[in-house]
N, C-alpha and C. Protein backbone atom coordinates (compact mmCIF):
# COMPACT_ATOMS: atom_id res chain seq x y z
N MET A 1 -147.83 1.58 59.42
CA MET A 1 -148.89 0.62 59.12
C MET A 1 -149.26 0.70 57.65
N GLN A 2 -149.59 -0.45 57.07
CA GLN A 2 -149.98 -0.53 55.68
C GLN A 2 -151.50 -0.62 55.56
N ALA A 3 -152.05 0.12 54.61
CA ALA A 3 -153.51 0.14 54.44
C ALA A 3 -154.06 -1.26 54.15
N GLU A 4 -153.25 -2.10 53.47
CA GLU A 4 -153.72 -3.43 53.06
C GLU A 4 -153.97 -4.36 54.24
N GLN A 5 -153.41 -4.05 55.42
CA GLN A 5 -153.57 -4.97 56.53
C GLN A 5 -154.91 -4.83 57.25
N PHE A 6 -155.67 -3.81 56.89
CA PHE A 6 -156.95 -3.56 57.56
C PHE A 6 -158.11 -4.13 56.76
N GLN A 7 -159.04 -4.76 57.48
CA GLN A 7 -160.20 -5.41 56.88
C GLN A 7 -161.48 -4.78 57.40
N PRO A 8 -162.59 -4.95 56.66
CA PRO A 8 -163.87 -4.47 57.17
C PRO A 8 -164.14 -5.00 58.59
N HIS A 9 -164.68 -4.15 59.42
CA HIS A 9 -165.03 -4.40 60.82
C HIS A 9 -163.87 -4.13 61.79
N ASP A 10 -162.65 -3.93 61.27
CA ASP A 10 -161.56 -3.57 62.17
C ASP A 10 -161.83 -2.20 62.78
N LEU A 11 -161.47 -2.03 64.04
CA LEU A 11 -161.60 -0.75 64.73
C LEU A 11 -160.25 -0.04 64.74
N LEU A 12 -160.27 1.24 64.37
CA LEU A 12 -159.03 2.01 64.27
C LEU A 12 -159.08 3.21 65.20
N TRP A 13 -158.05 3.35 66.02
CA TRP A 13 -157.89 4.54 66.84
C TRP A 13 -156.91 5.48 66.13
N LEU A 14 -157.27 6.73 65.98
CA LEU A 14 -156.47 7.66 65.20
C LEU A 14 -155.51 8.46 66.07
N GLN A 15 -154.46 8.93 65.44
CA GLN A 15 -153.53 9.83 66.12
C GLN A 15 -154.26 11.12 66.50
N PRO A 16 -153.83 11.79 67.58
CA PRO A 16 -154.45 13.07 67.94
C PRO A 16 -154.40 14.06 66.77
N LYS A 17 -155.53 14.69 66.51
CA LYS A 17 -155.66 15.69 65.45
C LYS A 17 -155.41 15.10 64.05
N ALA A 18 -155.62 13.81 63.90
CA ALA A 18 -155.48 13.19 62.58
C ALA A 18 -156.53 13.73 61.63
N GLU A 19 -156.17 13.83 60.36
CA GLU A 19 -157.11 14.35 59.37
C GLU A 19 -158.08 13.24 58.95
N VAL A 20 -159.36 13.58 58.94
CA VAL A 20 -160.40 12.65 58.48
C VAL A 20 -160.94 13.21 57.17
N LEU A 21 -160.88 12.41 56.12
CA LEU A 21 -161.27 12.86 54.79
C LEU A 21 -162.76 12.58 54.57
N THR A 22 -163.52 13.62 54.27
CA THR A 22 -164.96 13.48 54.09
C THR A 22 -165.43 14.31 52.91
N ASP A 23 -166.60 13.96 52.38
CA ASP A 23 -167.21 14.73 51.30
C ASP A 23 -168.06 15.86 51.83
N ALA A 24 -168.35 15.83 53.11
CA ALA A 24 -169.18 16.85 53.76
C ALA A 24 -168.61 17.13 55.14
N PRO A 25 -168.93 18.27 55.73
CA PRO A 25 -168.41 18.58 57.07
C PRO A 25 -168.84 17.51 58.08
N LEU A 26 -167.94 17.21 59.00
CA LEU A 26 -168.27 16.26 60.06
C LEU A 26 -169.39 16.81 60.94
N PRO A 27 -170.39 16.00 61.27
CA PRO A 27 -171.41 16.45 62.22
C PRO A 27 -170.78 16.64 63.60
N SER A 28 -171.43 17.43 64.42
CA SER A 28 -170.87 17.76 65.73
C SER A 28 -170.64 16.52 66.59
N TRP A 29 -171.56 15.54 66.51
CA TRP A 29 -171.40 14.34 67.34
C TRP A 29 -170.16 13.55 66.93
N ALA A 30 -169.85 13.53 65.61
CA ALA A 30 -168.67 12.81 65.14
C ALA A 30 -167.39 13.51 65.57
N THR A 31 -167.39 14.84 65.49
CA THR A 31 -166.23 15.61 65.93
C THR A 31 -165.95 15.38 67.41
N GLU A 32 -167.01 15.34 68.20
CA GLU A 32 -166.85 15.13 69.64
C GLU A 32 -166.28 13.74 69.94
N LEU A 33 -166.78 12.71 69.23
CA LEU A 33 -166.28 11.35 69.46
C LEU A 33 -164.79 11.24 69.11
N LEU A 34 -164.39 11.87 68.01
CA LEU A 34 -162.98 11.84 67.64
C LEU A 34 -162.12 12.58 68.65
N SER A 35 -162.66 13.64 69.21
CA SER A 35 -161.89 14.45 70.17
C SER A 35 -161.61 13.69 71.46
N ILE A 36 -162.47 12.73 71.80
CA ILE A 36 -162.25 11.96 73.03
C ILE A 36 -161.60 10.60 72.75
N GLY A 37 -161.17 10.40 71.50
CA GLY A 37 -160.40 9.20 71.18
C GLY A 37 -161.19 7.96 70.87
N MET A 38 -162.45 8.10 70.43
CA MET A 38 -163.22 6.93 70.05
C MET A 38 -162.74 6.40 68.69
N PRO A 39 -162.78 5.08 68.48
CA PRO A 39 -162.30 4.52 67.22
C PRO A 39 -163.30 4.67 66.08
N VAL A 40 -162.80 4.53 64.87
CA VAL A 40 -163.64 4.43 63.68
C VAL A 40 -163.59 2.97 63.22
N VAL A 41 -164.54 2.58 62.38
CA VAL A 41 -164.60 1.18 61.95
C VAL A 41 -164.39 1.10 60.44
N VAL A 42 -163.58 0.16 59.99
CA VAL A 42 -163.34 -0.02 58.56
C VAL A 42 -164.61 -0.54 57.91
N ARG A 43 -165.00 0.07 56.79
CA ARG A 43 -166.22 -0.33 56.08
C ARG A 43 -165.88 -0.79 54.67
N ARG A 44 -166.84 -1.49 54.06
CA ARG A 44 -166.66 -1.95 52.69
C ARG A 44 -167.03 -0.81 51.74
N ALA A 45 -166.03 -0.30 51.04
CA ALA A 45 -166.23 0.79 50.09
C ALA A 45 -164.95 0.93 49.28
N PRO A 46 -165.02 1.53 48.10
CA PRO A 46 -163.80 1.74 47.31
C PRO A 46 -162.81 2.62 48.07
N ARG A 47 -161.53 2.32 47.92
CA ARG A 47 -160.49 3.13 48.55
C ARG A 47 -160.21 4.34 47.68
N VAL A 48 -159.94 5.46 48.32
CA VAL A 48 -159.58 6.69 47.63
C VAL A 48 -158.07 6.81 47.71
N ASP A 49 -157.40 6.52 46.59
CA ASP A 49 -155.93 6.45 46.59
C ASP A 49 -155.50 5.43 47.65
N SER A 50 -154.77 5.87 48.66
CA SER A 50 -154.32 4.95 49.70
C SER A 50 -155.16 5.06 50.97
N ALA A 51 -156.20 5.88 50.93
CA ALA A 51 -157.02 6.11 52.13
C ALA A 51 -157.97 4.94 52.39
N ILE A 52 -158.18 4.64 53.67
CA ILE A 52 -159.01 3.52 54.10
C ILE A 52 -160.44 4.01 54.34
N PRO A 53 -161.45 3.36 53.76
CA PRO A 53 -162.83 3.75 54.04
C PRO A 53 -163.24 3.36 55.46
N VAL A 54 -163.77 4.29 56.20
CA VAL A 54 -164.18 4.03 57.58
C VAL A 54 -165.55 4.63 57.84
N GLY A 55 -166.15 4.23 58.94
CA GLY A 55 -167.40 4.81 59.38
C GLY A 55 -167.27 5.29 60.81
N LEU A 56 -167.90 6.42 61.10
CA LEU A 56 -167.95 6.93 62.47
C LEU A 56 -169.29 6.51 63.05
N ARG A 57 -169.25 6.04 64.26
CA ARG A 57 -170.42 5.44 64.90
C ARG A 57 -170.85 6.27 66.09
N GLY A 58 -172.10 6.75 66.07
CA GLY A 58 -172.64 7.51 67.19
C GLY A 58 -173.35 6.62 68.18
N ALA A 59 -174.02 7.25 69.14
CA ALA A 59 -174.65 6.51 70.22
C ALA A 59 -175.88 5.73 69.77
N SER A 60 -176.55 6.18 68.71
CA SER A 60 -177.74 5.49 68.22
C SER A 60 -177.50 4.97 66.81
N ARG A 61 -178.36 4.06 66.37
CA ARG A 61 -178.20 3.43 65.05
C ARG A 61 -178.23 4.45 63.93
N GLY A 62 -178.97 5.54 64.12
CA GLY A 62 -179.09 6.55 63.08
C GLY A 62 -177.88 7.45 62.94
N LEU A 63 -176.96 7.39 63.89
CA LEU A 63 -175.78 8.25 63.85
C LEU A 63 -174.61 7.48 63.25
N ARG A 64 -174.49 7.58 61.93
CA ARG A 64 -173.40 6.94 61.21
C ARG A 64 -172.89 7.94 60.17
N PHE A 65 -171.59 7.98 59.96
CA PHE A 65 -171.05 8.94 59.01
C PHE A 65 -169.85 8.32 58.28
N PRO A 66 -169.85 8.32 56.93
CA PRO A 66 -168.74 7.72 56.17
C PRO A 66 -167.58 8.69 56.01
N ALA A 67 -166.38 8.13 55.98
CA ALA A 67 -165.18 8.95 55.81
C ALA A 67 -164.05 8.06 55.32
N HIS A 68 -162.88 8.66 55.14
CA HIS A 68 -161.65 7.93 54.82
C HIS A 68 -160.53 8.45 55.71
N VAL A 69 -159.58 7.58 56.01
CA VAL A 69 -158.40 7.99 56.78
C VAL A 69 -157.16 7.38 56.15
N GLU A 70 -156.04 8.04 56.30
CA GLU A 70 -154.76 7.51 55.82
C GLU A 70 -154.20 6.54 56.86
N ALA A 71 -153.52 5.50 56.38
CA ALA A 71 -152.93 4.51 57.29
C ALA A 71 -151.94 5.17 58.25
N SER A 72 -151.28 6.23 57.81
CA SER A 72 -150.30 6.91 58.65
C SER A 72 -150.93 7.62 59.84
N SER A 73 -152.26 7.81 59.82
CA SER A 73 -152.93 8.50 60.92
C SER A 73 -153.43 7.54 61.99
N ILE A 74 -153.19 6.24 61.81
CA ILE A 74 -153.70 5.23 62.76
C ILE A 74 -152.70 5.01 63.89
N ALA A 75 -153.17 5.14 65.12
CA ALA A 75 -152.32 4.93 66.30
C ALA A 75 -152.31 3.45 66.70
N ARG A 76 -153.47 2.81 66.68
CA ARG A 76 -153.58 1.40 67.01
C ARG A 76 -154.88 0.87 66.43
N PHE A 77 -155.04 -0.44 66.45
CA PHE A 77 -156.24 -1.03 65.88
C PHE A 77 -156.58 -2.32 66.59
N ALA A 78 -157.81 -2.79 66.39
CA ALA A 78 -158.27 -4.06 66.96
C ALA A 78 -159.12 -4.78 65.94
N LYS A 79 -158.82 -6.05 65.74
CA LYS A 79 -159.63 -6.89 64.86
C LYS A 79 -160.69 -7.60 65.71
N PRO A 80 -161.83 -7.96 65.10
CA PRO A 80 -162.89 -8.64 65.87
C PRO A 80 -162.39 -9.85 66.65
N GLU A 81 -161.46 -10.61 66.06
CA GLU A 81 -160.95 -11.81 66.73
C GLU A 81 -160.26 -11.50 68.05
N THR A 82 -159.67 -10.31 68.14
CA THR A 82 -158.92 -9.95 69.35
C THR A 82 -159.82 -9.49 70.48
N LEU A 83 -161.11 -9.34 70.21
CA LEU A 83 -162.03 -8.80 71.23
C LEU A 83 -162.67 -9.89 72.08
N ILE A 84 -162.44 -11.14 71.74
CA ILE A 84 -163.10 -12.23 72.47
C ILE A 84 -162.73 -12.21 73.95
N ALA A 85 -161.45 -11.97 74.24
CA ALA A 85 -161.00 -11.99 75.63
C ALA A 85 -161.51 -10.79 76.43
N ALA A 86 -162.01 -9.77 75.75
CA ALA A 86 -162.43 -8.55 76.44
C ALA A 86 -163.73 -8.71 77.22
N GLY A 87 -164.44 -9.81 76.98
CA GLY A 87 -165.71 -10.02 77.69
C GLY A 87 -165.53 -10.07 79.19
N SER A 88 -164.40 -10.54 79.64
CA SER A 88 -164.16 -10.67 81.08
C SER A 88 -163.94 -9.33 81.76
N THR A 89 -163.76 -8.26 80.98
CA THR A 89 -163.49 -6.94 81.56
C THR A 89 -164.75 -6.12 81.80
N LEU A 90 -165.90 -6.56 81.27
CA LEU A 90 -167.13 -5.80 81.41
C LEU A 90 -167.80 -6.07 82.76
N ALA A 91 -168.53 -5.08 83.23
CA ALA A 91 -169.24 -5.21 84.50
C ALA A 91 -170.31 -6.29 84.40
N GLU A 92 -170.58 -6.94 85.52
CA GLU A 92 -171.56 -8.03 85.54
C GLU A 92 -172.94 -7.55 85.11
N THR A 93 -173.28 -6.32 85.44
CA THR A 93 -174.60 -5.79 85.06
C THR A 93 -174.72 -5.68 83.54
N ARG A 94 -173.62 -5.36 82.84
CA ARG A 94 -173.66 -5.27 81.39
C ARG A 94 -173.82 -6.66 80.77
N MET A 95 -173.19 -7.65 81.36
CA MET A 95 -173.21 -8.99 80.80
C MET A 95 -174.58 -9.65 80.88
N ARG A 96 -175.53 -8.99 81.57
CA ARG A 96 -176.90 -9.51 81.63
C ARG A 96 -177.72 -9.12 80.40
N LEU A 97 -177.17 -8.22 79.56
CA LEU A 97 -177.89 -7.83 78.34
C LEU A 97 -177.88 -9.01 77.36
N PRO A 98 -178.99 -9.25 76.65
CA PRO A 98 -179.10 -10.44 75.80
C PRO A 98 -177.95 -10.58 74.79
N ALA A 99 -177.55 -9.51 74.13
CA ALA A 99 -176.50 -9.62 73.12
C ALA A 99 -175.16 -10.01 73.73
N LEU A 100 -174.86 -9.48 74.92
CA LEU A 100 -173.61 -9.82 75.58
C LEU A 100 -173.68 -11.23 76.19
N MET A 101 -174.87 -11.62 76.64
CA MET A 101 -175.06 -12.99 77.10
C MET A 101 -174.83 -13.97 75.95
N ALA A 102 -175.36 -13.62 74.77
CA ALA A 102 -175.19 -14.48 73.60
C ALA A 102 -173.72 -14.58 73.20
N PHE A 103 -173.02 -13.46 73.30
CA PHE A 103 -171.59 -13.47 72.99
C PHE A 103 -170.84 -14.43 73.93
N CYS A 104 -171.12 -14.36 75.21
CA CYS A 104 -170.47 -15.24 76.18
C CYS A 104 -170.80 -16.71 75.89
N GLU A 105 -172.03 -16.95 75.47
CA GLU A 105 -172.45 -18.31 75.13
C GLU A 105 -171.64 -18.84 73.95
N LEU A 106 -171.43 -17.98 72.95
CA LEU A 106 -170.67 -18.41 71.78
C LEU A 106 -169.21 -18.66 72.13
N CYS A 107 -168.68 -17.91 73.06
CA CYS A 107 -167.29 -18.13 73.48
C CYS A 107 -167.10 -19.55 74.01
N GLN A 108 -168.16 -20.11 74.58
CA GLN A 108 -168.10 -21.48 75.09
C GLN A 108 -168.40 -22.51 74.00
N ARG A 109 -169.25 -22.13 73.05
CA ARG A 109 -169.71 -23.10 72.04
C ARG A 109 -168.76 -23.30 70.87
N LEU A 110 -168.21 -22.19 70.34
CA LEU A 110 -167.49 -22.27 69.08
C LEU A 110 -166.13 -22.94 69.24
N PRO A 111 -165.77 -23.81 68.31
CA PRO A 111 -164.47 -24.49 68.37
C PRO A 111 -163.32 -23.48 68.29
N SER A 112 -162.23 -23.78 68.94
CA SER A 112 -161.08 -22.88 68.95
C SER A 112 -160.42 -22.79 67.58
N THR A 113 -160.77 -23.71 66.68
CA THR A 113 -160.18 -23.69 65.34
C THR A 113 -160.82 -22.63 64.44
N LEU A 114 -161.96 -22.08 64.84
CA LEU A 114 -162.63 -21.05 64.05
C LEU A 114 -162.06 -19.67 64.37
N ALA A 115 -161.86 -18.87 63.33
CA ALA A 115 -161.44 -17.48 63.51
C ALA A 115 -162.68 -16.61 63.40
N TRP A 116 -163.10 -16.05 64.50
CA TRP A 116 -164.33 -15.27 64.53
C TRP A 116 -164.21 -14.14 65.55
N GLY A 117 -165.18 -13.23 65.51
CA GLY A 117 -165.19 -12.17 66.50
C GLY A 117 -166.44 -11.32 66.38
N PRO A 118 -166.76 -10.55 67.42
CA PRO A 118 -167.95 -9.71 67.42
C PRO A 118 -167.70 -8.39 66.69
N THR A 119 -168.73 -7.92 66.01
CA THR A 119 -168.70 -6.61 65.36
C THR A 119 -169.89 -5.81 65.90
N GLY A 120 -170.26 -4.74 65.23
CA GLY A 120 -171.42 -3.97 65.65
C GLY A 120 -171.29 -3.42 67.06
N SER A 121 -172.43 -3.29 67.74
CA SER A 121 -172.44 -2.67 69.07
C SER A 121 -171.69 -3.49 70.10
N VAL A 122 -171.75 -4.82 69.99
CA VAL A 122 -171.04 -5.68 70.95
C VAL A 122 -169.53 -5.51 70.79
N GLY A 123 -169.06 -5.55 69.54
CA GLY A 123 -167.64 -5.37 69.31
C GLY A 123 -167.16 -4.01 69.77
N PHE A 124 -167.96 -2.98 69.53
CA PHE A 124 -167.58 -1.62 69.91
C PHE A 124 -167.48 -1.49 71.43
N GLU A 125 -168.44 -2.07 72.15
CA GLU A 125 -168.40 -1.97 73.61
C GLU A 125 -167.24 -2.78 74.19
N LEU A 126 -166.98 -3.94 73.64
CA LEU A 126 -165.86 -4.74 74.13
C LEU A 126 -164.53 -4.03 73.88
N ALA A 127 -164.44 -3.30 72.77
CA ALA A 127 -163.19 -2.64 72.43
C ALA A 127 -162.96 -1.36 73.22
N THR A 128 -164.05 -0.65 73.54
CA THR A 128 -163.91 0.67 74.16
C THR A 128 -164.32 0.72 75.63
N GLY A 129 -165.16 -0.23 76.05
CA GLY A 129 -165.69 -0.18 77.40
C GLY A 129 -166.84 0.80 77.55
N CYS A 130 -167.20 1.48 76.45
CA CYS A 130 -168.31 2.44 76.49
C CYS A 130 -169.63 1.71 76.21
N PRO A 131 -170.66 1.92 77.03
CA PRO A 131 -171.94 1.23 76.82
C PRO A 131 -172.51 1.52 75.44
N SER A 132 -172.60 0.50 74.60
CA SER A 132 -173.13 0.64 73.25
C SER A 132 -174.26 -0.35 72.99
N VAL A 133 -174.29 -1.41 73.78
CA VAL A 133 -175.29 -2.47 73.62
C VAL A 133 -176.54 -2.11 74.41
N SER A 134 -177.69 -2.27 73.78
CA SER A 134 -178.96 -2.04 74.47
C SER A 134 -179.67 -3.37 74.68
N ASN A 135 -180.80 -3.32 75.34
CA ASN A 135 -181.56 -4.53 75.63
C ASN A 135 -182.12 -5.18 74.36
N THR A 136 -182.20 -4.40 73.27
CA THR A 136 -182.75 -4.92 72.01
C THR A 136 -181.68 -5.15 70.94
N SER A 137 -180.42 -5.00 71.30
CA SER A 137 -179.34 -5.15 70.32
C SER A 137 -179.24 -6.59 69.82
N ASP A 138 -178.91 -6.72 68.52
CA ASP A 138 -178.56 -8.03 67.97
C ASP A 138 -177.08 -8.29 68.24
N LEU A 139 -176.67 -9.52 68.02
CA LEU A 139 -175.25 -9.86 68.08
C LEU A 139 -174.77 -10.08 66.65
N ASP A 140 -173.81 -9.26 66.22
CA ASP A 140 -173.22 -9.37 64.89
C ASP A 140 -171.87 -10.06 65.00
N ILE A 141 -171.66 -11.06 64.16
CA ILE A 141 -170.44 -11.86 64.20
C ILE A 141 -169.82 -11.92 62.80
N VAL A 142 -168.50 -11.81 62.74
CA VAL A 142 -167.79 -12.09 61.49
C VAL A 142 -167.02 -13.38 61.69
N LEU A 143 -167.14 -14.26 60.71
CA LEU A 143 -166.48 -15.57 60.75
C LEU A 143 -165.56 -15.66 59.54
N ARG A 144 -164.26 -15.73 59.78
CA ARG A 144 -163.31 -15.76 58.67
C ARG A 144 -163.45 -17.07 57.89
N ALA A 145 -163.58 -16.94 56.58
CA ALA A 145 -163.76 -18.12 55.73
C ALA A 145 -162.88 -17.96 54.49
N PRO A 146 -161.57 -18.09 54.64
CA PRO A 146 -160.67 -17.92 53.49
C PRO A 146 -160.82 -19.01 52.45
N HIS A 147 -161.33 -20.17 52.86
CA HIS A 147 -161.52 -21.29 51.93
C HIS A 147 -163.01 -21.61 51.81
N ALA A 148 -163.38 -22.17 50.68
CA ALA A 148 -164.78 -22.45 50.40
C ALA A 148 -165.43 -23.31 51.48
N LEU A 149 -166.63 -22.93 51.86
CA LEU A 149 -167.40 -23.65 52.86
C LEU A 149 -168.61 -24.27 52.16
N GLY A 150 -168.72 -25.58 52.20
CA GLY A 150 -169.83 -26.26 51.55
C GLY A 150 -171.16 -25.91 52.19
N ARG A 151 -172.22 -26.07 51.40
CA ARG A 151 -173.56 -25.76 51.92
C ARG A 151 -173.89 -26.64 53.13
N ASP A 152 -173.54 -27.90 53.07
CA ASP A 152 -173.82 -28.80 54.20
C ASP A 152 -173.03 -28.37 55.43
N GLN A 153 -171.79 -27.94 55.22
CA GLN A 153 -170.99 -27.45 56.34
C GLN A 153 -171.61 -26.21 56.95
N ALA A 154 -172.10 -25.31 56.09
CA ALA A 154 -172.73 -24.08 56.57
C ALA A 154 -173.99 -24.39 57.37
N LEU A 155 -174.77 -25.34 56.87
CA LEU A 155 -176.00 -25.73 57.57
C LEU A 155 -175.67 -26.31 58.94
N GLU A 156 -174.63 -27.11 59.01
CA GLU A 156 -174.20 -27.69 60.29
C GLU A 156 -173.69 -26.60 61.24
N MET A 157 -173.01 -25.61 60.68
CA MET A 157 -172.45 -24.55 61.50
C MET A 157 -173.53 -23.66 62.12
N LEU A 158 -174.68 -23.58 61.45
CA LEU A 158 -175.78 -22.76 61.98
C LEU A 158 -176.22 -23.24 63.37
N LYS A 159 -175.99 -24.50 63.67
CA LYS A 159 -176.42 -25.04 64.96
C LYS A 159 -175.73 -24.35 66.12
N TYR A 160 -174.52 -23.86 65.90
CA TYR A 160 -173.81 -23.15 66.96
C TYR A 160 -174.53 -21.86 67.36
N PHE A 161 -175.28 -21.30 66.41
CA PHE A 161 -175.88 -19.98 66.62
C PHE A 161 -177.38 -20.05 66.91
N SER A 162 -177.89 -21.24 67.19
CA SER A 162 -179.31 -21.39 67.51
C SER A 162 -179.53 -21.27 69.01
N ASP A 163 -180.75 -20.94 69.38
CA ASP A 163 -181.16 -20.88 70.79
C ASP A 163 -180.31 -19.92 71.62
N LEU A 164 -179.88 -18.82 71.02
CA LEU A 164 -179.15 -17.78 71.76
C LEU A 164 -180.15 -16.79 72.35
N PRO A 165 -179.74 -16.00 73.34
CA PRO A 165 -180.67 -15.06 73.99
C PRO A 165 -181.14 -13.93 73.08
N CYS A 166 -180.49 -13.76 71.91
CA CYS A 166 -180.90 -12.70 71.00
C CYS A 166 -180.65 -13.16 69.56
N ARG A 167 -181.11 -12.38 68.61
CA ARG A 167 -180.86 -12.68 67.20
C ARG A 167 -179.36 -12.53 66.91
N CYS A 168 -178.81 -13.45 66.15
CA CYS A 168 -177.39 -13.43 65.83
C CYS A 168 -177.22 -13.41 64.31
N ASP A 169 -176.55 -12.39 63.81
CA ASP A 169 -176.29 -12.24 62.38
C ASP A 169 -174.82 -12.60 62.12
N VAL A 170 -174.59 -13.70 61.40
CA VAL A 170 -173.24 -14.19 61.15
C VAL A 170 -172.86 -13.93 59.70
N GLN A 171 -171.76 -13.21 59.50
CA GLN A 171 -171.27 -12.93 58.16
C GLN A 171 -169.98 -13.70 57.91
N LEU A 172 -169.97 -14.47 56.83
CA LEU A 172 -168.76 -15.16 56.40
C LEU A 172 -167.88 -14.18 55.66
N ASP A 173 -166.64 -14.05 56.09
CA ASP A 173 -165.71 -13.14 55.44
C ASP A 173 -164.85 -13.93 54.46
N THR A 174 -165.17 -13.84 53.17
CA THR A 174 -164.45 -14.56 52.13
C THR A 174 -163.43 -13.63 51.48
N PRO A 175 -162.52 -14.14 50.68
CA PRO A 175 -161.55 -13.27 50.00
C PRO A 175 -162.19 -12.26 49.07
N ASN A 176 -163.44 -12.52 48.66
CA ASN A 176 -164.12 -11.62 47.72
C ASN A 176 -165.14 -10.70 48.38
N GLY A 177 -165.41 -10.89 49.66
CA GLY A 177 -166.39 -10.06 50.34
C GLY A 177 -167.13 -10.85 51.42
N GLY A 178 -168.19 -10.26 51.94
CA GLY A 178 -168.94 -10.87 53.03
C GLY A 178 -170.28 -11.42 52.56
N VAL A 179 -170.65 -12.59 53.09
CA VAL A 179 -171.93 -13.20 52.75
C VAL A 179 -172.54 -13.76 54.02
N SER A 180 -173.85 -13.69 54.12
CA SER A 180 -174.56 -14.21 55.28
C SER A 180 -174.43 -15.73 55.36
N LEU A 181 -174.05 -16.23 56.53
CA LEU A 181 -173.98 -17.68 56.73
C LEU A 181 -175.34 -18.31 56.51
N LEU A 182 -176.39 -17.67 57.02
CA LEU A 182 -177.74 -18.20 56.87
C LEU A 182 -178.14 -18.28 55.40
N GLU A 183 -177.85 -17.23 54.64
CA GLU A 183 -178.22 -17.21 53.23
C GLU A 183 -177.46 -18.28 52.45
N TRP A 184 -176.18 -18.46 52.76
CA TRP A 184 -175.39 -19.47 52.06
C TRP A 184 -175.88 -20.88 52.42
N ALA A 185 -176.25 -21.08 53.67
CA ALA A 185 -176.69 -22.40 54.12
C ALA A 185 -178.04 -22.79 53.52
N ARG A 186 -178.85 -21.82 53.15
CA ARG A 186 -180.19 -22.11 52.64
C ARG A 186 -180.16 -22.78 51.27
N GLY A 187 -179.05 -22.69 50.55
CA GLY A 187 -178.93 -23.36 49.26
C GLY A 187 -179.49 -22.60 48.08
N SER A 188 -179.63 -21.27 48.21
CA SER A 188 -180.13 -20.48 47.09
C SER A 188 -179.17 -20.54 45.91
N LYS A 189 -179.69 -20.39 44.70
CA LYS A 189 -178.83 -20.42 43.51
C LYS A 189 -177.92 -19.20 43.44
N GLN A 190 -178.32 -18.14 44.05
CA GLN A 190 -177.50 -16.94 44.08
C GLN A 190 -177.58 -16.32 45.48
N VAL A 191 -176.49 -15.72 45.90
CA VAL A 191 -176.44 -15.10 47.23
C VAL A 191 -175.90 -13.69 47.10
N LEU A 192 -176.21 -12.86 48.08
CA LEU A 192 -175.76 -11.47 48.08
C LEU A 192 -174.38 -11.40 48.71
N LEU A 193 -173.41 -10.92 47.93
CA LEU A 193 -172.04 -10.77 48.39
C LEU A 193 -171.75 -9.29 48.57
N LYS A 194 -171.36 -8.88 49.77
CA LYS A 194 -171.00 -7.49 50.04
C LYS A 194 -169.52 -7.29 49.71
N THR A 195 -169.25 -6.45 48.73
CA THR A 195 -167.88 -6.20 48.30
C THR A 195 -167.53 -4.73 48.48
N ASP A 196 -166.26 -4.40 48.29
CA ASP A 196 -165.85 -3.00 48.39
C ASP A 196 -166.51 -2.15 47.31
N GLY A 197 -166.89 -2.79 46.21
CA GLY A 197 -167.54 -2.06 45.13
C GLY A 197 -169.05 -2.06 45.19
N GLY A 198 -169.61 -2.60 46.26
CA GLY A 198 -171.06 -2.66 46.41
C GLY A 198 -171.56 -4.09 46.41
N PRO A 199 -172.85 -4.30 46.69
CA PRO A 199 -173.41 -5.65 46.75
C PRO A 199 -173.53 -6.28 45.37
N LYS A 200 -173.27 -7.60 45.28
CA LYS A 200 -173.37 -8.33 44.02
C LYS A 200 -174.08 -9.66 44.28
N LEU A 201 -174.85 -10.10 43.30
CA LEU A 201 -175.45 -11.43 43.35
C LEU A 201 -174.48 -12.39 42.68
N VAL A 202 -174.07 -13.43 43.41
CA VAL A 202 -173.08 -14.36 42.88
C VAL A 202 -173.55 -15.80 43.10
N VAL A 203 -172.95 -16.69 42.34
CA VAL A 203 -173.23 -18.11 42.49
C VAL A 203 -172.43 -18.70 43.64
N ASN A 204 -171.16 -18.31 43.71
CA ASN A 204 -170.25 -18.83 44.74
C ASN A 204 -169.38 -17.69 45.24
N PRO A 205 -169.48 -17.33 46.52
CA PRO A 205 -168.72 -16.20 47.06
C PRO A 205 -167.21 -16.37 47.00
N TRP A 206 -166.73 -17.61 46.88
CA TRP A 206 -165.28 -17.86 46.88
C TRP A 206 -164.69 -17.85 45.47
N LEU A 207 -165.56 -17.79 44.45
CA LEU A 207 -165.09 -17.73 43.07
C LEU A 207 -165.23 -16.31 42.56
N CYS A 208 -165.02 -16.12 41.29
CA CYS A 208 -165.15 -14.78 40.70
C CYS A 208 -166.59 -14.29 40.90
N HIS A 209 -166.76 -12.99 40.79
CA HIS A 209 -168.07 -12.39 41.02
C HIS A 209 -168.98 -12.67 39.80
N GLU A 210 -169.22 -13.92 39.61
CA GLU A 210 -169.99 -14.36 38.45
C GLU A 210 -171.48 -14.26 38.77
N ARG A 211 -172.22 -13.57 37.91
CA ARG A 211 -173.66 -13.49 38.11
C ARG A 211 -174.34 -14.74 37.50
N ILE A 212 -175.41 -15.15 38.11
CA ILE A 212 -176.15 -16.28 37.56
C ILE A 212 -176.84 -15.86 36.27
N PRO A 213 -176.83 -16.68 35.23
CA PRO A 213 -177.47 -16.29 33.96
C PRO A 213 -178.96 -16.00 34.15
N GLU A 214 -179.43 -14.96 33.47
CA GLU A 214 -180.85 -14.59 33.57
C GLU A 214 -181.64 -15.29 32.47
């Protein structure tokens, strides 16, 4: 596998006893999750040589740990787009949770021409089958946007995500980084673009990381 094929939000399952590169010792909860084969998630951060920046995800929001892994240590992976079909595998009792209900609603609403998928707790549960979604969880979505999306188009697209059972955070994945669909649709002169090098204020997420003149 090549490191370049992995994008932020992808879930990676590591080979048994794969080395995880960290600046500090792994916490016990992270070591335990790796020992039972839980995946790590690709995060936006600078790459260290050929190593992929990842995050380890614990049972609660406060349990997060940054690390890097080599592409050679990856056994398999899942992109958010591939998790859409996994909704049918969850128990009916789980699908009553607002975030999972909202996900099912979007599966019916969104056009098949859109490349999208769940991230966060919903994506993690769909990928692993392990209960990660709570009654108060939001639904996080990544929407691939390789080509520029006009403000009017973004505003129209927001209608798909209205009146859902829970709050839905939609991130447009552009070639230069991630930007909130809501923020782009609002028509602000500058928007926050999440890049591998950190957040930047830009005029247009699809163009160079040009800052608006002060």
